Amino acid sequence: MKCCVTGHRPNGFPFDYYQNNKRKTNYINILHFQIIEMIKEGYNHFITGMAMGVDLDFAISVLYLKNNVFCNKKIILESAIPYPNSNRSWSYEFRNKYNYVMQNSDIITTVSNYYFSGCMQKRNEYMVNKSDLILAVWNEIEKGGTWNTIKYARYKNKIIRYILLNNI
């Protein structure tokens, strides 16, 4: 079974994403726990959209579990990038995370060969269409890419699990 993630970039968090604080630690722990639960339920193919923030945190957690805890299960990480070099303007820290995930992904899907104004949504729709379950890490604001992906997943009658950032 397949699961993708949708969630915010660092500026969409209701707390300071860049600081090590209790809320960020809780967020990472909850994300990690949700992935463990999905693996126990039989999900073994995980898709990340490779954006800064939730997407990379999700991917790194999947890779950690794949390599350390659930090594007896076949776990697949798919990186769905919206277009080539979509990370070129990122900070050193995020480019390193991106490169680590790309080097350790089982599948890399490039959704578009070039940038265009709807390429991020096209990537999100690809992930939702391919998934049985969507994990939405959401700040409960009904605008932006995460909200658009949630609306699309609802339209497609997909199962959605939420991690509500305002409750962390």
C-alpha atoms as a PDB file:
ATOM      1  CA  MET A   1       0.000   0.000   0.000  1.00  0.00           C
ATOM      2  CA  LYS A   2       1.140   3.533  -0.777  1.00  0.00           C
ATOM      3  CA  CYS A   3       1.202   6.734   1.271  1.00  0.00           C
ATOM      4  CA  CYS A   4       2.238  10.258   0.363  1.00  0.00           C
ATOM      5  CA  VAL A   5       2.768  13.294   2.526  1.00  0.00           C
ATOM      6  CA  THR A   6       1.616  16.852   2.150  1.00  0.00           C
ATOM      7  CA  GLY A   7       2.660  19.579   4.508  1.00  0.00           C
ATOM      8  CA  HIS A   8       4.135  22.965   5.012  1.00  0.00           C
ATOM      9  CA  ARG A   9       7.439  24.535   4.281  1.00  0.00           C
ATOM     10  CA  PRO A  10       9.181  26.091   7.297  1.00  0.00           C
ATOM     11  CA  ASN A  11       7.329  29.422   7.074  1.00  0.00           C
ATOM     12  CA  GLY A  12       3.956  27.636   7.335  1.00  0.00           C
ATOM     13  CA  PHE A  13       4.624  26.259  10.803  1.00  0.00           C
ATOM     14  CA  PRO A  14       2.902  27.926  13.801  1.00  0.00           C
ATOM     15  CA  PHE A  15       6.222  27.758  15.650  1.00  0.00           C
ATOM     16  CA  ASP A  16       9.827  28.495  14.758  1.00  0.00           C
ATOM     17  CA  TYR A  17      10.815  25.581  12.527  1.00  0.00           C
ATOM     18  CA  TYR A  18      14.492  26.525  12.599  1.00  0.00           C
ATOM     19  CA  GLN A  19      14.878  26.404  16.388  1.00  0.00           C
ATOM     20  CA  ASN A  20      15.173  23.237  18.419  1.00  0.00           C
ATOM     21  CA  ASN A  21      12.254  23.629  20.767  1.00  0.00           C
ATOM     22  CA  LYS A  22       9.636  21.442  22.410  1.00  0.00           C
ATOM     23  CA  ARG A  23       7.060  21.929  19.657  1.00  0.00           C
ATOM     24  CA  LYS A  24       9.499  21.018  16.887  1.00  0.00           C
ATOM     25  CA  THR A  25      10.629  17.936  18.813  1.00  0.00           C
ATOM     26  CA  ASN A  26       6.997  16.920  19.330  1.00  0.00           C
ATOM     27  CA  TYR A  27       6.270  17.427  15.621  1.00  0.00           C
ATOM     28  CA  ILE A  28       9.205  15.209  14.577  1.00  0.00           C
ATOM     29  CA  ASN A  29       8.218  12.528  17.105  1.00  0.00           C
ATOM     30  CA  ILE A  30       4.577  12.527  15.974  1.00  0.00           C
ATOM     31  CA  LEU A  31       5.614  12.349  12.308  1.00  0.00           C
ATOM     32  CA  HIS A  32       7.941   9.453  13.075  1.00  0.00           C
ATOM     33  CA  PHE A  33       5.255   7.645  15.103  1.00  0.00           C
ATOM     34  CA  GLN A  34       2.701   8.027  12.292  1.00  0.00           C
ATOM     35  CA  ILE A  35       5.104   6.458   9.791  1.00  0.00           C
ATOM     36  CA  ILE A  36       5.753   3.554  12.180  1.00  0.00           C
ATOM     37  CA  GLU A  37       1.993   3.015  12.529  1.00  0.00           C
ATOM     38  CA  MET A  38       1.536   3.045   8.750  1.00  0.00           C
ATOM     39  CA  ILE A  39       4.308   0.478   8.300  1.00  0.00           C
ATOM     40  CA  LYS A  40       2.643  -1.731  10.918  1.00  0.00           C
ATOM     41  CA  GLU A  41      -0.624  -1.378   8.968  1.00  0.00           C
ATOM     42  CA  GLY A  42       1.054  -2.606   5.786  1.00  0.00           C
ATOM     43  CA  TYR A  43       2.043   0.609   4.031  1.00  0.00           C
ATOM     44  CA  ASN A  44       5.417   0.076   2.412  1.00  0.00           C
ATOM     45  CA  HIS A  45       5.656   2.638  -0.421  1.00  0.00           C
ATOM     46  CA  PHE A  46       6.100   6.215   0.748  1.00  0.00           C
ATOM     47  CA  ILE A  47       6.073   9.226  -1.579  1.00  0.00           C
ATOM     48  CA  THR A  48       7.567  12.617  -0.779  1.00  0.00           C
ATOM     49  CA  GLY A  49       7.280  15.775  -2.844  1.00  0.00           C
ATOM     50  CA  MET A  50      10.817  16.849  -1.871  1.00  0.00           C
ATOM     51  CA  ALA A  51       9.963  20.358  -0.640  1.00  0.00           C
ATOM     52  CA  MET A  52      11.675  21.999   2.334  1.00  0.00           C
ATOM     53  CA  GLY A  53      10.033  21.279   5.677  1.00  0.00           C
ATOM     54  CA  VAL A  54       7.546  18.453   6.039  1.00  0.00           C
ATOM     55  CA  ASP A  55       8.434  16.639   2.803  1.00  0.00           C
ATOM     56  CA  LEU A  56      12.125  16.285   3.659  1.00  0.00           C
ATOM     57  CA  ASP A  57      11.415  15.520   7.343  1.00  0.00           C
ATOM     58  CA  PHE A  58       9.044  12.746   6.235  1.00  0.00           C
ATOM     59  CA  ALA A  59      11.578  11.311   3.777  1.00  0.00           C
ATOM     60  CA  ILE A  60      14.413  11.321   6.315  1.00  0.00           C
ATOM     61  CA  SER A  61      12.189   9.570   8.850  1.00  0.00           C
ATOM     62  CA  VAL A  62      11.199   6.912   6.294  1.00  0.00           C
ATOM     63  CA  LEU A  63      14.864   6.342   5.424  1.00  0.00           C
ATOM     64  CA  TYR A  64      15.793   6.051   9.097  1.00  0.00           C
ATOM     65  CA  LEU A  65      13.082   3.456   9.702  1.00  0.00           C
ATOM     66  CA  LYS A  66      13.911   1.617   6.504  1.00  0.00           C
ATOM     67  CA  ASN A  67      17.566   1.314   7.459  1.00  0.00           C
ATOM     68  CA  ASN A  68      17.323   0.759  11.209  1.00  0.00           C
ATOM     69  CA  VAL A  69      14.039  -0.564  12.498  1.00  0.00           C
ATOM     70  CA  PHE A  70      12.033  -2.270   9.811  1.00  0.00           C
ATOM     71  CA  CYS A  71      14.937  -3.721   7.833  1.00  0.00           C
ATOM     72  CA  ASN A  72      13.083  -7.022   7.455  1.00  0.00           C
ATOM     73  CA  LYS A  73      10.257  -5.310   5.544  1.00  0.00           C
ATOM     74  CA  LYS A  74      10.533  -4.026   1.997  1.00  0.00           C
ATOM     75  CA  ILE A  75      10.065  -0.274   2.349  1.00  0.00           C
ATOM     76  CA  ILE A  76      10.197   1.917  -0.741  1.00  0.00           C
ATOM     77  CA  LEU A  77      10.829   5.653  -0.750  1.00  0.00           C
ATOM     78  CA  GLU A  78       9.778   7.527  -3.874  1.00  0.00           C
ATOM     79  CA  SER A  79      10.884  11.107  -4.404  1.00  0.00           C
ATOM     80  CA  ALA A  80       8.506  12.994  -6.685  1.00  0.00           C
ATOM     81  CA  ILE A  81      10.242  16.164  -7.797  1.00  0.00           C
ATOM     82  CA  PRO A  82       8.186  18.827  -9.561  1.00  0.00           C
ATOM     83  CA  TYR A  83      10.952  19.672 -12.075  1.00  0.00           C
ATOM     84  CA  PRO A  84      14.756  19.234 -12.348  1.00  0.00           C
ATOM     85  CA  ASN A  85      16.896  21.454 -10.110  1.00  0.00           C
ATOM     86  CA  SER A  86      13.900  22.622  -8.094  1.00  0.00           C
ATOM     87  CA  ASN A  87      16.246  23.018  -5.101  1.00  0.00           C
ATOM     88  CA  ARG A  88      18.848  25.267  -6.731  1.00  0.00           C
ATOM     89  CA  SER A  89      18.058  28.378  -4.658  1.00  0.00           C
ATOM     90  CA  TRP A  90      17.840  26.568  -1.305  1.00  0.00           C
ATOM     91  CA  SER A  91      20.142  26.999   1.676  1.00  0.00           C
ATOM     92  CA  TYR A  92      23.115  24.703   2.122  1.00  0.00           C
ATOM     93  CA  GLU A  93      21.311  22.827   4.926  1.00  0.00           C
ATOM     94  CA  PHE A  94      18.245  22.022   2.834  1.00  0.00           C
ATOM     95  CA  ARG A  95      20.262  21.156  -0.277  1.00  0.00           C
ATOM     96  CA  ASN A  96      22.216  18.638   1.832  1.00  0.00           C
ATOM     97  CA  LYS A  97      18.990  17.052   3.098  1.00  0.00           C
ATOM     98  CA  TYR A  98      17.603  17.020  -0.448  1.00  0.00           C
ATOM     99  CA  ASN A  99      20.744  15.365  -1.838  1.00  0.00           C
ATOM    100  CA  TYR A 100      20.749  12.759   0.946  1.00  0.00           C
ATOM    101  CA  VAL A 101      17.142  11.828   0.218  1.00  0.00           C
ATOM    102  CA  MET A 102      17.712  11.730  -3.547  1.00  0.00           C
ATOM    103  CA  GLN A 103      20.764   9.484  -3.152  1.00  0.00           C
ATOM    104  CA  ASN A 104      18.816   7.061  -0.966  1.00  0.00           C
ATOM    105  CA  SER A 105      15.476   7.034  -2.787  1.00  0.00           C
ATOM    106  CA  ASP A 106      14.355   3.806  -4.412  1.00  0.00           C
ATOM    107  CA  ILE A 107      12.366   5.650  -7.085  1.00  0.00           C
ATOM    108  CA  ILE A 108      12.802   9.180  -8.417  1.00  0.00           C
ATOM    109  CA  THR A 109       9.911  10.583 -10.427  1.00  0.00           C
ATOM    110  CA  THR A 110      10.286  13.881 -12.265  1.00  0.00           C
ATOM    111  CA  VAL A 111       6.755  15.142 -12.804  1.00  0.00           C
ATOM    112  CA  SER A 112       7.642  17.891 -15.298  1.00  0.00           C
ATOM    113  CA  ASN A 113      10.759  18.485 -17.363  1.00  0.00           C
ATOM    114  CA  TYR A 114      10.567  22.228 -16.730  1.00  0.00           C
ATOM    115  CA  TYR A 115       9.127  24.790 -14.323  1.00  0.00           C
ATOM    116  CA  PHE A 116       5.676  26.226 -14.981  1.00  0.00           C
ATOM    117  CA  SER A 117       3.220  27.942 -12.638  1.00  0.00           C
ATOM    118  CA  GLY A 118       1.210  24.781 -11.911  1.00  0.00           C
ATOM    119  CA  CYS A 119       4.037  22.270 -11.661  1.00  0.00           C
ATOM    120  CA  MET A 120       3.883  21.993  -7.843  1.00  0.00           C
ATOM    121  CA  GLN A 121       0.164  21.202  -7.963  1.00  0.00           C
ATOM    122  CA  LYS A 122       0.778  18.724 -10.785  1.00  0.00           C
ATOM    123  CA  ARG A 123       3.331  16.998  -8.530  1.00  0.00           C
ATOM    124  CA  ASN A 124       0.855  16.971  -5.633  1.00  0.00           C
ATOM    125  CA  GLU A 125      -1.901  15.482  -7.805  1.00  0.00           C
ATOM    126  CA  TYR A 126       0.509  12.798  -9.029  1.00  0.00           C
ATOM    127  CA  MET A 127       1.247  11.819  -5.427  1.00  0.00           C
ATOM    128  CA  VAL A 128      -2.411  11.771  -4.376  1.00  0.00           C
ATOM    129  CA  ASN A 129      -3.463   9.776  -7.443  1.00  0.00           C
ATOM    130  CA  LYS A 130      -0.813   7.152  -6.746  1.00  0.00           C
ATOM    131  CA  SER A 131      -1.507   6.861  -2.982  1.00  0.00           C
ATOM    132  CA  ASP A 132      -3.996   4.953  -0.859  1.00  0.00           C
ATOM    133  CA  LEU A 133      -3.435   7.252   2.119  1.00  0.00           C
ATOM    134  CA  ILE A 134      -2.406  10.888   2.427  1.00  0.00           C
ATOM    135  CA  LEU A 135      -0.626  12.085   5.556  1.00  0.00           C
ATOM    136  CA  ALA A 136      -1.409  15.802   5.889  1.00  0.00           C
ATOM    137  CA  VAL A 137       0.763  17.859   8.220  1.00  0.00           C
ATOM    138  CA  TRP A 138      -1.374  20.961   8.325  1.00  0.00           C
ATOM    139  CA  ASN A 139      -1.616  24.313  10.108  1.00  0.00           C
ATOM    140  CA  GLU A 140      -5.397  24.416   9.455  1.00  0.00           C
ATOM    141  CA  ILE A 141      -5.194  27.472   7.216  1.00  0.00           C
ATOM    142  CA  GLU A 142      -7.367  26.971   4.163  1.00  0.00           C
ATOM    143  CA  LYS A 143      -5.027  28.373   1.526  1.00  0.00           C
ATOM    144  CA  GLY A 144      -1.783  27.350  -0.138  1.00  0.00           C
ATOM    145  CA  GLY A 145      -0.345  24.138  -1.508  1.00  0.00           C
ATOM    146  CA  THR A 146      -1.069  21.900   1.485  1.00  0.00           C
ATOM    147  CA  TRP A 147      -4.709  22.994   1.566  1.00  0.00           C
ATOM    148  CA  ASN A 148      -5.024  22.508  -2.215  1.00  0.00           C
ATOM    149  CA  THR A 149      -3.627  19.000  -1.869  1.00  0.00           C
ATOM    150  CA  ILE A 150      -6.046  18.177   0.962  1.00  0.00           C
ATOM    151  CA  LYS A 151      -8.965  19.448  -1.134  1.00  0.00           C
ATOM    152  CA  TYR A 152      -7.803  17.369  -4.110  1.00  0.00           C
ATOM    153  CA  ALA A 153      -7.416  14.260  -1.925  1.00  0.00           C
ATOM    154  CA  ARG A 154     -10.942  14.777  -0.562  1.00  0.00           C
ATOM    155  CA  TYR A 155     -12.245  15.172  -4.110  1.00  0.00           C
ATOM    156  CA  LYS A 156     -10.545  11.875  -5.027  1.00  0.00           C
ATOM    157  CA  ASN A 157     -12.058  10.215  -1.899  1.00  0.00           C
ATOM    158  CA  LYS A 158      -8.669   9.323  -0.491  1.00  0.00           C
ATOM    159  CA  ILE A 159      -8.076   8.443   3.144  1.00  0.00           C
ATOM    160  CA  ILE A 160      -6.415  11.374   4.901  1.00  0.00           C
ATOM    161  CA  ARG A 161      -4.660  11.325   8.266  1.00  0.00           C
ATOM    162  CA  TYR A 162      -3.879  14.639   9.850  1.00  0.00           C
ATOM    163  CA  ILE A 163      -1.119  15.927  12.046  1.00  0.00           C
ATOM    164  CA  LEU A 164      -2.488  19.297  13.117  1.00  0.00           C
ATOM    165  CA  LEU A 165       0.433  21.598  13.795  1.00  0.00           C
ATOM    166  CA  ASN A 166      -1.615  23.997  15.937  1.00  0.00           C
ATOM    167  CA  ASN A 167      -2.213  21.186  18.461  1.00  0.00           C
ATOM    168  CA  ILE A 168       1.469  20.398  18.928  1.00  0.00           C
END
